[in-house]
N, C-alpha and C. Protein backbone atom coordinates (compact mmCIF):
# COMPACT_ATOMS: atom_id res chain seq x y z
N MET A 1 30.46 1.95 17.60
CA MET A 1 30.04 1.97 16.22
C MET A 1 29.92 3.40 15.72
N THR A 2 30.42 3.62 14.52
CA THR A 2 30.40 4.94 14.01
C THR A 2 29.03 5.24 13.39
N GLU A 3 28.54 6.51 13.51
CA GLU A 3 27.28 6.93 13.05
C GLU A 3 27.33 7.00 11.52
N PRO A 4 26.31 6.54 10.81
CA PRO A 4 26.26 6.60 9.32
C PRO A 4 26.39 8.03 8.86
N ALA A 5 27.24 8.22 7.73
CA ALA A 5 27.49 9.55 7.17
C ALA A 5 26.17 10.20 6.78
N THR A 6 25.14 9.31 6.37
CA THR A 6 23.89 10.01 5.87
C THR A 6 23.23 10.74 6.99
N ARG A 7 23.48 10.54 8.25
CA ARG A 7 22.81 11.25 9.32
C ARG A 7 23.80 12.10 10.14
N GLN A 8 24.86 12.40 9.59
CA GLN A 8 25.85 13.22 10.21
C GLN A 8 25.76 14.64 9.65
N GLY A 9 26.16 15.67 10.38
CA GLY A 9 26.14 17.07 9.92
C GLY A 9 24.77 17.48 9.42
N PRO A 10 24.84 18.03 8.17
CA PRO A 10 23.59 18.39 7.55
C PRO A 10 22.61 17.34 7.30
N GLY A 11 23.04 16.09 7.33
CA GLY A 11 22.21 14.94 7.15
C GLY A 11 21.21 14.75 8.33
N ARG A 12 21.57 15.35 9.51
CA ARG A 12 20.67 15.25 10.64
C ARG A 12 19.39 16.12 10.35
N LEU A 13 19.61 17.31 9.80
CA LEU A 13 18.45 18.16 9.40
C LEU A 13 17.64 17.47 8.22
N LEU A 14 18.31 16.87 7.29
CA LEU A 14 17.64 16.24 6.19
C LEU A 14 16.79 15.06 6.75
N VAL A 15 17.31 14.26 7.68
CA VAL A 15 16.54 13.19 8.38
C VAL A 15 15.32 13.75 9.04
N ALA A 16 15.54 14.86 9.76
CA ALA A 16 14.49 15.41 10.57
C ALA A 16 13.36 15.86 9.64
N VAL A 17 13.68 16.57 8.61
CA VAL A 17 12.66 17.06 7.63
C VAL A 17 11.90 15.82 7.00
N TYR A 18 12.70 14.75 6.59
CA TYR A 18 12.02 13.61 5.99
C TYR A 18 11.04 12.98 7.13
N ALA A 19 11.49 12.93 8.33
CA ALA A 19 10.69 12.39 9.36
C ALA A 19 9.37 13.20 9.62
N VAL A 20 9.50 14.51 9.56
CA VAL A 20 8.35 15.33 9.78
C VAL A 20 7.36 15.08 8.60
N PHE A 21 7.96 15.08 7.37
CA PHE A 21 7.07 14.81 6.19
C PHE A 21 6.43 13.41 6.27
N ALA A 22 7.20 12.46 6.66
CA ALA A 22 6.68 11.14 6.81
C ALA A 22 5.50 11.09 7.78
N LEU A 23 5.68 11.69 8.95
CA LEU A 23 4.61 11.78 9.99
C LEU A 23 3.41 12.56 9.47
N SER A 24 3.65 13.72 8.94
CA SER A 24 2.50 14.69 8.50
C SER A 24 1.76 14.02 7.35
N ALA A 25 2.51 13.45 6.44
CA ALA A 25 1.79 12.98 5.13
C ALA A 25 1.03 11.67 5.55
N SER A 26 1.61 10.92 6.48
CA SER A 26 0.95 9.72 6.94
C SER A 26 -0.39 10.06 7.68
N ALA A 27 -0.25 11.02 8.55
CA ALA A 27 -1.44 11.43 9.28
C ALA A 27 -2.56 11.98 8.40
N ARG A 28 -2.12 12.88 7.48
CA ARG A 28 -3.09 13.50 6.57
C ARG A 28 -3.73 12.44 5.70
N SER A 29 -2.87 11.64 5.05
CA SER A 29 -3.51 10.66 4.13
C SER A 29 -4.28 9.62 4.82
N GLY A 30 -3.91 9.30 6.02
CA GLY A 30 -4.73 8.28 6.86
C GLY A 30 -6.09 8.84 7.09
N VAL A 31 -6.19 10.08 7.50
CA VAL A 31 -7.50 10.68 7.82
C VAL A 31 -8.30 10.81 6.52
N GLN A 32 -7.59 11.22 5.45
CA GLN A 32 -8.30 11.39 4.15
C GLN A 32 -8.82 10.07 3.67
N ILE A 33 -8.05 9.05 3.70
CA ILE A 33 -8.48 7.72 3.26
C ILE A 33 -9.53 7.16 4.06
N ALA A 34 -9.50 7.33 5.43
CA ALA A 34 -10.44 6.75 6.34
C ALA A 34 -11.81 7.53 6.26
N THR A 35 -11.79 8.85 5.94
CA THR A 35 -13.05 9.60 6.05
C THR A 35 -13.58 10.11 4.77
N GLU A 36 -12.75 10.28 3.69
CA GLU A 36 -13.22 10.99 2.57
C GLU A 36 -12.72 10.27 1.24
N PHE A 37 -12.30 8.97 1.36
CA PHE A 37 -11.61 8.41 0.21
C PHE A 37 -12.47 8.41 -1.08
N SER A 38 -13.81 8.25 -0.98
CA SER A 38 -14.64 8.17 -2.16
C SER A 38 -14.66 9.54 -2.88
N GLU A 39 -14.34 10.66 -2.27
CA GLU A 39 -14.40 11.95 -2.85
C GLU A 39 -13.22 12.27 -3.70
N ALA A 40 -12.06 11.70 -3.46
CA ALA A 40 -10.92 11.90 -4.29
C ALA A 40 -9.86 10.76 -4.17
N ARG A 41 -10.27 9.68 -4.73
CA ARG A 41 -9.50 8.43 -4.54
C ARG A 41 -8.03 8.57 -5.01
N VAL A 42 -7.88 9.10 -6.13
CA VAL A 42 -6.56 9.22 -6.71
C VAL A 42 -5.62 10.16 -5.86
N ALA A 43 -6.16 11.28 -5.54
CA ALA A 43 -5.40 12.23 -4.78
C ALA A 43 -5.04 11.68 -3.39
N TYR A 44 -6.01 11.05 -2.73
CA TYR A 44 -5.75 10.46 -1.37
C TYR A 44 -4.79 9.26 -1.46
N ALA A 45 -4.93 8.44 -2.49
CA ALA A 45 -4.00 7.33 -2.71
C ALA A 45 -2.57 7.89 -2.97
N LEU A 46 -2.49 8.95 -3.71
CA LEU A 46 -1.15 9.46 -3.99
C LEU A 46 -0.63 10.07 -2.65
N SER A 47 -1.39 10.58 -1.85
CA SER A 47 -0.95 11.10 -0.56
C SER A 47 -0.39 9.97 0.27
N GLY A 48 -1.05 8.80 0.24
CA GLY A 48 -0.61 7.68 0.94
C GLY A 48 0.72 7.16 0.35
N VAL A 49 0.89 7.18 -0.98
CA VAL A 49 2.10 6.80 -1.62
C VAL A 49 3.30 7.69 -1.20
N ALA A 50 2.98 9.04 -1.15
CA ALA A 50 3.95 9.94 -0.73
C ALA A 50 4.37 9.71 0.73
N ALA A 51 3.49 9.47 1.63
CA ALA A 51 3.80 9.15 2.96
C ALA A 51 4.66 7.93 3.05
N ALA A 52 4.37 6.86 2.32
CA ALA A 52 5.28 5.61 2.27
C ALA A 52 6.65 5.97 1.85
N VAL A 53 6.73 6.81 0.74
CA VAL A 53 8.04 7.14 0.25
C VAL A 53 8.86 7.93 1.18
N TYR A 54 8.23 8.82 1.87
CA TYR A 54 8.95 9.65 2.90
C TYR A 54 9.39 8.76 4.06
N LEU A 55 8.56 7.78 4.42
CA LEU A 55 8.88 6.90 5.51
C LEU A 55 10.09 5.98 5.10
N VAL A 56 10.12 5.40 3.89
CA VAL A 56 11.18 4.56 3.48
C VAL A 56 12.53 5.44 3.36
N ALA A 57 12.45 6.60 2.83
CA ALA A 57 13.61 7.42 2.74
C ALA A 57 14.10 7.81 4.20
N THR A 58 13.25 8.12 5.03
CA THR A 58 13.70 8.46 6.39
C THR A 58 14.50 7.32 7.04
N VAL A 59 13.93 6.18 6.98
CA VAL A 59 14.45 4.93 7.63
C VAL A 59 15.86 4.61 6.98
N ALA A 60 15.91 4.67 5.63
CA ALA A 60 17.13 4.41 4.93
C ALA A 60 18.23 5.45 5.19
N LEU A 61 17.85 6.66 5.31
CA LEU A 61 18.83 7.69 5.69
C LEU A 61 19.38 7.48 7.08
N VAL A 62 18.55 7.10 7.97
CA VAL A 62 18.93 6.80 9.38
C VAL A 62 19.89 5.60 9.41
N ARG A 63 19.56 4.57 8.69
CA ARG A 63 20.32 3.33 8.75
C ARG A 63 21.67 3.56 8.22
N GLY A 64 21.78 4.24 7.06
CA GLY A 64 23.08 4.40 6.37
C GLY A 64 23.62 3.06 5.91
N GLY A 65 24.80 3.02 5.31
CA GLY A 65 25.46 1.86 4.71
C GLY A 65 25.04 1.79 3.22
N ALA A 66 25.66 0.81 2.56
CA ALA A 66 25.57 0.75 1.11
C ALA A 66 24.14 0.38 0.62
N VAL A 67 23.55 -0.64 1.21
CA VAL A 67 22.20 -1.11 0.90
C VAL A 67 21.12 -0.06 1.17
N ALA A 68 21.29 0.48 2.40
CA ALA A 68 20.32 1.56 2.79
C ALA A 68 20.46 2.80 1.91
N ARG A 69 21.68 3.10 1.52
CA ARG A 69 21.95 4.33 0.63
C ARG A 69 21.20 4.07 -0.69
N ARG A 70 21.30 2.77 -1.23
CA ARG A 70 20.56 2.51 -2.56
C ARG A 70 19.06 2.61 -2.27
N VAL A 71 18.59 2.12 -1.21
CA VAL A 71 17.16 2.17 -0.91
C VAL A 71 16.71 3.68 -0.77
N ALA A 72 17.53 4.49 -0.14
CA ALA A 72 17.20 5.90 0.00
C ALA A 72 17.26 6.59 -1.34
N ALA A 73 18.30 6.27 -2.10
CA ALA A 73 18.30 6.88 -3.47
C ALA A 73 17.09 6.58 -4.32
N ILE A 74 16.70 5.30 -4.28
CA ILE A 74 15.51 4.92 -5.08
C ILE A 74 14.32 5.58 -4.56
N ALA A 75 14.08 5.53 -3.23
CA ALA A 75 12.86 6.28 -2.65
C ALA A 75 12.93 7.69 -3.01
N ILE A 76 14.04 8.33 -2.92
CA ILE A 76 14.09 9.74 -3.15
C ILE A 76 13.90 10.11 -4.58
N ALA A 77 14.39 9.20 -5.51
CA ALA A 77 14.19 9.37 -6.84
C ALA A 77 12.73 9.24 -7.23
N VAL A 78 12.02 8.26 -6.66
CA VAL A 78 10.62 8.06 -6.85
C VAL A 78 9.85 9.33 -6.33
N GLU A 79 10.36 9.84 -5.23
CA GLU A 79 9.71 11.10 -4.72
C GLU A 79 9.81 12.25 -5.73
N LEU A 80 11.06 12.37 -6.29
CA LEU A 80 11.27 13.43 -7.19
C LEU A 80 10.36 13.28 -8.46
N VAL A 81 10.35 12.07 -8.94
CA VAL A 81 9.50 11.84 -10.16
C VAL A 81 7.95 12.09 -9.82
N GLY A 82 7.55 11.64 -8.63
CA GLY A 82 6.20 11.90 -8.23
C GLY A 82 5.90 13.35 -8.12
N VAL A 83 6.74 14.20 -7.57
CA VAL A 83 6.56 15.62 -7.43
C VAL A 83 6.54 16.25 -8.88
N LEU A 84 7.45 15.87 -9.73
CA LEU A 84 7.40 16.40 -11.07
C LEU A 84 6.18 16.01 -11.83
N VAL A 85 5.83 14.77 -11.79
CA VAL A 85 4.67 14.29 -12.58
C VAL A 85 3.30 14.83 -11.99
N VAL A 86 3.10 14.71 -10.65
CA VAL A 86 1.85 15.17 -10.10
C VAL A 86 1.82 16.70 -10.16
N GLY A 87 2.98 17.31 -9.92
CA GLY A 87 3.00 18.78 -10.01
C GLY A 87 2.66 19.29 -11.35
N THR A 88 3.18 18.66 -12.39
CA THR A 88 2.89 19.02 -13.80
C THR A 88 1.47 18.82 -14.09
N LEU A 89 0.93 17.64 -13.73
CA LEU A 89 -0.52 17.30 -13.99
C LEU A 89 -1.44 18.30 -13.33
N THR A 90 -1.17 18.63 -12.11
CA THR A 90 -2.08 19.60 -11.43
C THR A 90 -1.96 21.04 -11.99
N VAL A 91 -0.78 21.38 -12.53
CA VAL A 91 -0.69 22.74 -13.14
C VAL A 91 -1.35 22.76 -14.49
N VAL A 92 -1.23 21.64 -15.30
CA VAL A 92 -1.80 21.59 -16.60
C VAL A 92 -3.26 21.43 -16.57
N ASP A 93 -3.75 20.61 -15.63
CA ASP A 93 -5.22 20.27 -15.53
C ASP A 93 -5.57 20.19 -14.08
N GLY A 94 -5.95 21.38 -13.49
CA GLY A 94 -6.24 21.34 -12.05
C GLY A 94 -7.47 20.57 -11.65
N ASP A 95 -8.27 20.23 -12.60
CA ASP A 95 -9.53 19.44 -12.39
C ASP A 95 -9.23 17.93 -12.29
N LEU A 96 -7.97 17.49 -12.68
CA LEU A 96 -7.62 16.13 -12.57
C LEU A 96 -7.71 15.53 -11.19
N PHE A 97 -7.36 16.33 -10.22
CA PHE A 97 -7.43 15.87 -8.82
C PHE A 97 -8.47 16.77 -8.06
N PRO A 98 -9.55 16.18 -7.59
CA PRO A 98 -10.54 17.05 -6.83
C PRO A 98 -9.97 17.57 -5.58
N ASP A 99 -8.95 17.10 -5.03
CA ASP A 99 -8.27 17.58 -3.80
C ASP A 99 -6.78 17.55 -3.93
N GLU A 100 -6.09 18.32 -3.21
CA GLU A 100 -4.64 18.37 -3.32
C GLU A 100 -4.02 17.17 -2.69
N THR A 101 -2.77 16.89 -3.14
CA THR A 101 -1.87 16.00 -2.58
C THR A 101 -0.67 16.74 -2.08
N VAL A 102 0.18 16.08 -1.33
CA VAL A 102 1.42 16.79 -0.89
C VAL A 102 2.25 17.21 -2.05
N TRP A 103 2.08 16.52 -3.26
CA TRP A 103 2.94 16.90 -4.48
C TRP A 103 2.20 17.78 -5.42
N SER A 104 0.90 18.17 -5.17
CA SER A 104 0.17 19.03 -6.12
C SER A 104 0.90 20.44 -6.16
N GLY A 105 0.90 20.88 -7.43
CA GLY A 105 1.57 22.24 -7.69
C GLY A 105 2.93 22.21 -7.28
N TYR A 106 3.68 21.11 -7.36
CA TYR A 106 5.04 20.93 -7.02
C TYR A 106 5.29 21.21 -5.53
N GLY A 107 4.27 20.92 -4.74
CA GLY A 107 4.39 21.06 -3.24
C GLY A 107 4.11 22.46 -2.78
N SER A 108 3.41 23.26 -3.61
CA SER A 108 3.14 24.63 -3.22
C SER A 108 2.49 24.69 -1.90
N GLY A 109 1.60 23.83 -1.55
CA GLY A 109 0.93 23.84 -0.30
C GLY A 109 1.81 23.63 0.93
N TYR A 110 3.01 23.23 0.63
CA TYR A 110 4.10 22.94 1.71
C TYR A 110 5.28 23.84 1.44
N GLY A 111 5.13 24.96 0.81
CA GLY A 111 6.24 25.87 0.57
C GLY A 111 7.30 25.36 -0.35
N TYR A 112 6.83 24.49 -1.25
CA TYR A 112 7.68 23.86 -2.30
C TYR A 112 8.80 22.98 -1.68
N VAL A 113 8.66 22.67 -0.46
CA VAL A 113 9.63 21.82 0.16
C VAL A 113 9.55 20.42 -0.56
N PRO A 114 8.45 19.91 -0.91
CA PRO A 114 8.46 18.56 -1.61
C PRO A 114 9.17 18.61 -2.89
N LEU A 115 9.36 19.79 -3.52
CA LEU A 115 10.11 19.84 -4.75
C LEU A 115 11.71 19.92 -4.43
N VAL A 116 12.02 20.69 -3.42
CA VAL A 116 13.43 20.89 -3.13
C VAL A 116 14.01 19.73 -2.28
N LEU A 117 13.16 19.15 -1.46
CA LEU A 117 13.69 18.03 -0.61
C LEU A 117 14.36 16.84 -1.35
N PRO A 118 13.71 16.32 -2.44
CA PRO A 118 14.36 15.21 -3.08
C PRO A 118 15.70 15.60 -3.79
N ILE A 119 15.79 16.80 -4.19
CA ILE A 119 16.98 17.28 -4.90
C ILE A 119 18.15 17.32 -3.84
N LEU A 120 17.78 17.95 -2.62
CA LEU A 120 18.78 17.88 -1.54
C LEU A 120 19.09 16.57 -1.05
N GLY A 121 18.07 15.71 -0.99
CA GLY A 121 18.32 14.24 -0.59
C GLY A 121 19.18 13.48 -1.49
N LEU A 122 18.97 13.62 -2.79
CA LEU A 122 19.81 12.88 -3.74
C LEU A 122 21.23 13.40 -3.70
N ALA A 123 21.34 14.74 -3.50
CA ALA A 123 22.72 15.33 -3.46
C ALA A 123 23.40 14.86 -2.18
N TRP A 124 22.71 14.69 -1.08
CA TRP A 124 23.31 14.27 0.16
C TRP A 124 23.65 12.76 0.09
N VAL A 125 22.90 11.95 -0.48
CA VAL A 125 23.16 10.56 -0.62
C VAL A 125 24.40 10.44 -1.49
N TRP A 126 24.46 11.20 -2.62
CA TRP A 126 25.70 11.18 -3.52
C TRP A 126 26.92 11.72 -2.75
N HIS A 127 26.77 12.74 -2.05
CA HIS A 127 27.94 13.40 -1.24
C HIS A 127 28.46 12.43 -0.28
N THR A 128 27.69 11.62 0.45
CA THR A 128 28.15 10.77 1.50
C THR A 128 28.52 9.36 1.03
N ARG A 129 28.44 9.05 -0.19
CA ARG A 129 28.62 7.69 -0.71
C ARG A 129 30.06 7.16 -0.40
N THR A 130 31.09 7.98 -0.51
CA THR A 130 32.41 7.48 -0.28
C THR A 130 32.71 7.39 1.13
N ARG A 131 32.17 8.24 1.98
CA ARG A 131 32.43 8.29 3.43
C ARG A 131 32.06 6.93 3.96
N GLU A 132 30.93 6.36 3.57
CA GLU A 132 30.51 5.11 4.18
C GLU A 132 31.14 3.92 3.42
N GLY A 133 31.36 4.15 2.07
CA GLY A 133 31.81 3.08 1.19
C GLY A 133 33.23 2.63 1.60
N ASP A 134 34.03 3.62 2.12
CA ASP A 134 35.40 3.19 2.44
C ASP A 134 35.60 2.90 4.00
N GLY A 135 34.43 2.89 4.71
CA GLY A 135 34.56 2.51 6.13
C GLY A 135 34.84 3.69 6.97
N THR A 136 34.94 4.86 6.48
CA THR A 136 35.21 5.95 7.35
C THR A 136 34.03 6.82 7.82
N GLY A 137 32.84 6.38 7.34
CA GLY A 137 31.62 7.20 7.59
C GLY A 137 30.98 6.58 8.88
């Protein structure tokens, strides 16, 4: 069986970064929700949402194929919208969230990777669409 195009070449690095973010965001949000949820409910819930989005994107990129590509594109688009909305809200009104999320300040706490990652992810999904669509990926 041929490896899905979404995890070939540069896609391997993309999958690895998504997997690291899925793991780290899940661990961080899990601890925050379990121990401090009442202190910053919205921020910690958003961290949980971000973790879920990273996990879905990772699995979809690994699976490849037409359906998984659509799932990846949707998850990554949700990620981009989340980063832009939460990033803008935290810049406009820093008091809105008592604690940071992975998407606060456009991902500034993570070297802006959360802002760049969905752009690269969507570009990669777009780039690999014909390779798997025609059976050559």
